[in-house]
N, C-alpha and C. Protein backbone atom coordinates (compact mmCIF):
# COMPACT_ATOMS: atom_id res chain seq x y z
N MET A 1 -22.47 -1.85 -2.24
CA MET A 1 -22.85 -2.44 -3.52
C MET A 1 -24.26 -2.02 -3.88
N THR A 2 -24.44 -1.69 -5.13
CA THR A 2 -25.78 -1.36 -5.60
C THR A 2 -26.51 -2.65 -5.95
N VAL A 3 -27.79 -2.53 -6.20
CA VAL A 3 -28.59 -3.70 -6.55
C VAL A 3 -28.06 -4.34 -7.83
N ASN A 4 -27.74 -3.50 -8.84
CA ASN A 4 -27.22 -4.03 -10.11
C ASN A 4 -25.88 -4.72 -9.93
N SER A 5 -25.00 -4.15 -9.11
CA SER A 5 -23.69 -4.79 -8.92
C SER A 5 -23.84 -6.07 -8.10
N THR A 6 -24.81 -6.11 -7.20
CA THR A 6 -25.06 -7.33 -6.44
C THR A 6 -25.57 -8.44 -7.36
N ILE A 7 -26.47 -8.09 -8.25
CA ILE A 7 -26.99 -9.07 -9.21
C ILE A 7 -25.86 -9.56 -10.13
N ALA A 8 -25.04 -8.63 -10.59
CA ALA A 8 -23.92 -9.01 -11.46
C ALA A 8 -22.97 -9.94 -10.71
N HIS A 9 -22.70 -9.63 -9.46
CA HIS A 9 -21.81 -10.46 -8.65
C HIS A 9 -22.40 -11.86 -8.48
N GLN A 10 -23.69 -11.94 -8.22
CA GLN A 10 -24.36 -13.24 -8.08
C GLN A 10 -24.30 -14.04 -9.38
N ARG A 11 -24.48 -13.37 -10.50
CA ARG A 11 -24.39 -14.06 -11.80
C ARG A 11 -22.99 -14.63 -12.02
N LEU A 12 -21.98 -13.86 -11.66
CA LEU A 12 -20.61 -14.34 -11.82
C LEU A 12 -20.35 -15.57 -10.95
N ILE A 13 -20.86 -15.54 -9.73
CA ILE A 13 -20.66 -16.67 -8.83
C ILE A 13 -21.39 -17.91 -9.35
N LEU A 14 -22.65 -17.74 -9.71
CA LEU A 14 -23.46 -18.87 -10.16
C LEU A 14 -22.92 -19.50 -11.45
N SER A 15 -22.39 -18.69 -12.32
CA SER A 15 -21.87 -19.21 -13.59
C SER A 15 -20.47 -19.81 -13.44
N GLY A 16 -19.83 -19.53 -12.32
CA GLY A 16 -18.47 -20.02 -12.12
C GLY A 16 -17.43 -19.10 -12.73
N ASP A 17 -17.86 -18.02 -13.34
CA ASP A 17 -16.94 -17.11 -14.01
C ASP A 17 -16.16 -16.24 -13.03
N ARG A 18 -16.67 -16.09 -11.82
CA ARG A 18 -15.98 -15.28 -10.82
C ARG A 18 -14.56 -15.81 -10.59
N GLU A 19 -14.44 -17.12 -10.49
CA GLU A 19 -13.12 -17.74 -10.27
C GLU A 19 -12.20 -17.50 -11.47
N ARG A 20 -12.76 -17.52 -12.65
CA ARG A 20 -11.97 -17.27 -13.87
C ARG A 20 -11.41 -15.85 -13.86
N PHE A 21 -12.25 -14.88 -13.45
CA PHE A 21 -11.80 -13.49 -13.38
C PHE A 21 -10.79 -13.28 -12.26
N LYS A 22 -10.99 -13.97 -11.15
CA LYS A 22 -10.02 -13.88 -10.05
C LYS A 22 -8.65 -14.41 -10.49
N GLU A 23 -8.66 -15.50 -11.24
CA GLU A 23 -7.41 -16.08 -11.74
C GLU A 23 -6.73 -15.13 -12.73
N LEU A 24 -7.51 -14.50 -13.60
CA LEU A 24 -6.95 -13.52 -14.54
C LEU A 24 -6.30 -12.37 -13.78
N LEU A 25 -6.99 -11.86 -12.78
CA LEU A 25 -6.44 -10.76 -11.97
C LEU A 25 -5.16 -11.20 -11.27
N ARG A 26 -5.17 -12.38 -10.70
CA ARG A 26 -3.98 -12.90 -10.01
C ARG A 26 -2.78 -12.97 -10.97
N ARG A 27 -3.01 -13.51 -12.16
CA ARG A 27 -1.93 -13.62 -13.15
C ARG A 27 -1.39 -12.26 -13.55
N ARG A 28 -2.30 -11.31 -13.81
CA ARG A 28 -1.87 -9.97 -14.23
C ARG A 28 -1.07 -9.27 -13.13
N LEU A 29 -1.49 -9.45 -11.88
CA LEU A 29 -0.77 -8.81 -10.77
C LEU A 29 0.62 -9.41 -10.59
N ILE A 30 0.74 -10.69 -10.81
CA ILE A 30 2.06 -11.33 -10.75
C ILE A 30 2.94 -10.83 -11.90
N GLU A 31 2.37 -10.79 -13.10
CA GLU A 31 3.12 -10.37 -14.29
C GLU A 31 3.67 -8.96 -14.16
N CYS A 32 2.92 -8.06 -13.56
CA CYS A 32 3.35 -6.66 -13.48
C CYS A 32 4.24 -6.39 -12.26
N GLY A 33 4.46 -7.41 -11.43
CA GLY A 33 5.34 -7.23 -10.27
C GLY A 33 4.65 -6.71 -9.02
N TRP A 34 3.34 -6.59 -9.07
CA TRP A 34 2.57 -6.07 -7.93
C TRP A 34 2.76 -6.95 -6.70
N ARG A 35 2.71 -8.25 -6.89
CA ARG A 35 2.83 -9.18 -5.76
C ARG A 35 4.17 -9.00 -5.05
N ASP A 36 5.23 -8.82 -5.81
CA ASP A 36 6.55 -8.60 -5.22
C ASP A 36 6.59 -7.28 -4.45
N GLN A 37 5.93 -6.26 -4.99
CA GLN A 37 5.88 -4.96 -4.30
C GLN A 37 5.14 -5.07 -2.97
N VAL A 38 4.05 -5.81 -2.97
CA VAL A 38 3.27 -5.99 -1.74
C VAL A 38 4.08 -6.81 -0.73
N ARG A 39 4.79 -7.79 -1.20
CA ARG A 39 5.66 -8.58 -0.32
C ARG A 39 6.69 -7.68 0.36
N MET A 40 7.26 -6.75 -0.40
CA MET A 40 8.24 -5.81 0.17
C MET A 40 7.58 -4.88 1.20
N LEU A 41 6.36 -4.44 0.92
CA LEU A 41 5.64 -3.61 1.88
C LEU A 41 5.43 -4.37 3.19
N CYS A 42 5.08 -5.63 3.09
CA CYS A 42 4.87 -6.46 4.28
C CYS A 42 6.18 -6.60 5.07
N ARG A 43 7.26 -6.80 4.36
CA ARG A 43 8.56 -6.91 5.04
C ARG A 43 8.92 -5.62 5.76
N GLU A 44 8.61 -4.48 5.14
CA GLU A 44 8.89 -3.20 5.77
C GLU A 44 8.09 -3.04 7.06
N VAL A 45 6.83 -3.43 7.05
CA VAL A 45 5.98 -3.33 8.25
C VAL A 45 6.54 -4.23 9.34
N VAL A 46 6.95 -5.43 8.98
CA VAL A 46 7.52 -6.36 9.96
C VAL A 46 8.80 -5.78 10.54
N LYS A 47 9.64 -5.21 9.68
CA LYS A 47 10.91 -4.63 10.13
C LYS A 47 10.66 -3.43 11.06
N GLU A 48 9.68 -2.59 10.71
CA GLU A 48 9.34 -1.43 11.54
C GLU A 48 8.85 -1.85 12.93
N ASN A 49 8.23 -3.00 13.00
CA ASN A 49 7.65 -3.48 14.26
C ASN A 49 8.47 -4.60 14.86
N GLU A 50 9.75 -4.64 14.55
CA GLU A 50 10.63 -5.68 15.05
C GLU A 50 10.57 -5.72 16.57
N GLY A 51 10.46 -6.90 17.11
CA GLY A 51 10.37 -7.04 18.56
C GLY A 51 8.95 -7.07 19.06
N ASN A 52 8.02 -6.58 18.25
CA ASN A 52 6.60 -6.63 18.60
C ASN A 52 5.96 -7.79 17.87
N ASN A 53 4.84 -8.20 18.36
CA ASN A 53 4.11 -9.28 17.72
C ASN A 53 3.33 -8.71 16.52
N VAL A 54 3.79 -8.99 15.31
CA VAL A 54 3.13 -8.49 14.10
C VAL A 54 2.03 -9.48 13.73
N THR A 55 0.81 -9.00 13.76
CA THR A 55 -0.33 -9.86 13.44
C THR A 55 -0.75 -9.66 11.98
N PHE A 56 -1.53 -10.60 11.51
CA PHE A 56 -2.08 -10.49 10.16
C PHE A 56 -2.94 -9.23 10.04
N ASP A 57 -3.72 -8.96 11.08
CA ASP A 57 -4.59 -7.77 11.05
C ASP A 57 -3.77 -6.49 10.93
N LEU A 58 -2.64 -6.43 11.62
CA LEU A 58 -1.78 -5.25 11.52
C LEU A 58 -1.25 -5.11 10.10
N LEU A 59 -0.76 -6.20 9.55
CA LEU A 59 -0.26 -6.18 8.16
C LEU A 59 -1.36 -5.74 7.21
N LEU A 60 -2.53 -6.30 7.37
CA LEU A 60 -3.65 -5.99 6.49
C LEU A 60 -4.01 -4.51 6.56
N THR A 61 -4.07 -3.98 7.76
CA THR A 61 -4.42 -2.58 7.97
C THR A 61 -3.38 -1.64 7.37
N ARG A 62 -2.12 -1.97 7.56
CA ARG A 62 -1.05 -1.08 7.11
C ARG A 62 -0.77 -1.18 5.61
N VAL A 63 -0.92 -2.37 5.04
CA VAL A 63 -0.49 -2.61 3.67
C VAL A 63 -1.62 -2.41 2.64
N THR A 64 -2.84 -2.69 3.01
CA THR A 64 -3.96 -2.66 2.05
C THR A 64 -4.08 -1.35 1.29
N PRO A 65 -4.09 -0.19 1.95
CA PRO A 65 -4.24 1.05 1.16
C PRO A 65 -3.11 1.25 0.13
N GLN A 66 -1.90 0.94 0.53
CA GLN A 66 -0.77 1.08 -0.40
C GLN A 66 -0.85 0.05 -1.52
N ALA A 67 -1.23 -1.17 -1.17
CA ALA A 67 -1.32 -2.24 -2.17
C ALA A 67 -2.37 -1.90 -3.22
N ARG A 68 -3.50 -1.38 -2.77
CA ARG A 68 -4.55 -1.00 -3.72
C ARG A 68 -4.07 0.11 -4.66
N ALA A 69 -3.33 1.03 -4.12
CA ALA A 69 -2.82 2.15 -4.93
C ALA A 69 -1.78 1.68 -5.95
N LEU A 70 -1.13 0.57 -5.67
CA LEU A 70 -0.09 0.06 -6.56
C LEU A 70 -0.62 -0.76 -7.74
N VAL A 71 -1.90 -1.10 -7.73
CA VAL A 71 -2.47 -1.87 -8.85
C VAL A 71 -2.45 -0.98 -10.09
N PRO A 72 -1.75 -1.41 -11.13
CA PRO A 72 -1.65 -0.58 -12.34
C PRO A 72 -3.00 -0.31 -12.98
N ASP A 73 -3.17 0.89 -13.50
CA ASP A 73 -4.41 1.26 -14.18
C ASP A 73 -4.70 0.33 -15.35
N SER A 74 -3.67 -0.13 -16.02
CA SER A 74 -3.88 -1.02 -17.16
C SER A 74 -4.55 -2.32 -16.73
N VAL A 75 -4.18 -2.83 -15.56
CA VAL A 75 -4.78 -4.06 -15.04
C VAL A 75 -6.24 -3.80 -14.67
N LYS A 76 -6.49 -2.68 -14.02
CA LYS A 76 -7.86 -2.33 -13.64
C LYS A 76 -8.74 -2.19 -14.88
N LYS A 77 -8.23 -1.50 -15.88
CA LYS A 77 -9.01 -1.26 -17.10
C LYS A 77 -9.29 -2.56 -17.84
N GLU A 78 -8.28 -3.42 -17.95
CA GLU A 78 -8.46 -4.69 -18.64
C GLU A 78 -9.53 -5.53 -17.96
N LEU A 79 -9.44 -5.66 -16.65
CA LEU A 79 -10.40 -6.47 -15.92
C LEU A 79 -11.81 -5.88 -16.01
N LEU A 80 -11.91 -4.58 -15.87
CA LEU A 80 -13.22 -3.92 -15.95
C LEU A 80 -13.84 -4.13 -17.32
N LEU A 81 -13.05 -3.99 -18.37
CA LEU A 81 -13.56 -4.17 -19.73
C LEU A 81 -14.03 -5.61 -19.94
N LYS A 82 -13.24 -6.56 -19.49
CA LYS A 82 -13.62 -7.97 -19.65
C LYS A 82 -14.88 -8.30 -18.86
N LEU A 83 -14.98 -7.76 -17.65
CA LEU A 83 -16.18 -7.98 -16.84
C LEU A 83 -17.41 -7.37 -17.51
N LYS A 84 -17.25 -6.15 -17.97
CA LYS A 84 -18.36 -5.45 -18.61
C LYS A 84 -18.84 -6.21 -19.85
N THR A 85 -17.90 -6.62 -20.68
CA THR A 85 -18.23 -7.37 -21.89
C THR A 85 -18.93 -8.68 -21.54
N HIS A 86 -18.39 -9.37 -20.55
CA HIS A 86 -18.97 -10.64 -20.12
C HIS A 86 -20.41 -10.46 -19.63
N LEU A 87 -20.60 -9.46 -18.78
CA LEU A 87 -21.94 -9.24 -18.23
C LEU A 87 -22.95 -8.81 -19.29
N LEU A 88 -22.48 -8.04 -20.25
CA LEU A 88 -23.38 -7.61 -21.33
C LEU A 88 -23.78 -8.81 -22.21
N THR A 89 -22.86 -9.70 -22.47
CA THR A 89 -23.20 -10.89 -23.28
C THR A 89 -24.11 -11.83 -22.50
N GLN A 90 -23.94 -11.90 -21.17
CA GLN A 90 -24.80 -12.72 -20.34
C GLN A 90 -26.21 -12.16 -20.28
N LYS A 91 -26.31 -10.85 -20.28
CA LYS A 91 -27.60 -10.17 -20.21
C LYS A 91 -28.46 -10.49 -21.44
N ASP A 92 -27.78 -10.62 -22.59
CA ASP A 92 -28.49 -10.87 -23.85
C ASP A 92 -28.98 -12.31 -23.95
N GLN A 93 -28.47 -13.19 -23.12
CA GLN A 93 -28.83 -14.61 -23.22
C GLN A 93 -30.08 -14.92 -22.45
């Protein structure tokens, strides 16, 4: 994180807006079916490791890169635009 992004992150936390943006992201990911896709990826990892003890860390390591790649560009762009707009309006205050 750069100094500017750290400051922006702190502003979001202090204002309580971070939670609002997290909720928006969560809703958009559910709407586009991303959550269901990630659930299927997790099931595949569990099935591949049947008989072995599948830990959360294993799931996280195996699924995270694919899950990140599955986030639609439209969701990324929407959230980035809203964050940018929000931070610019906060800067002016």
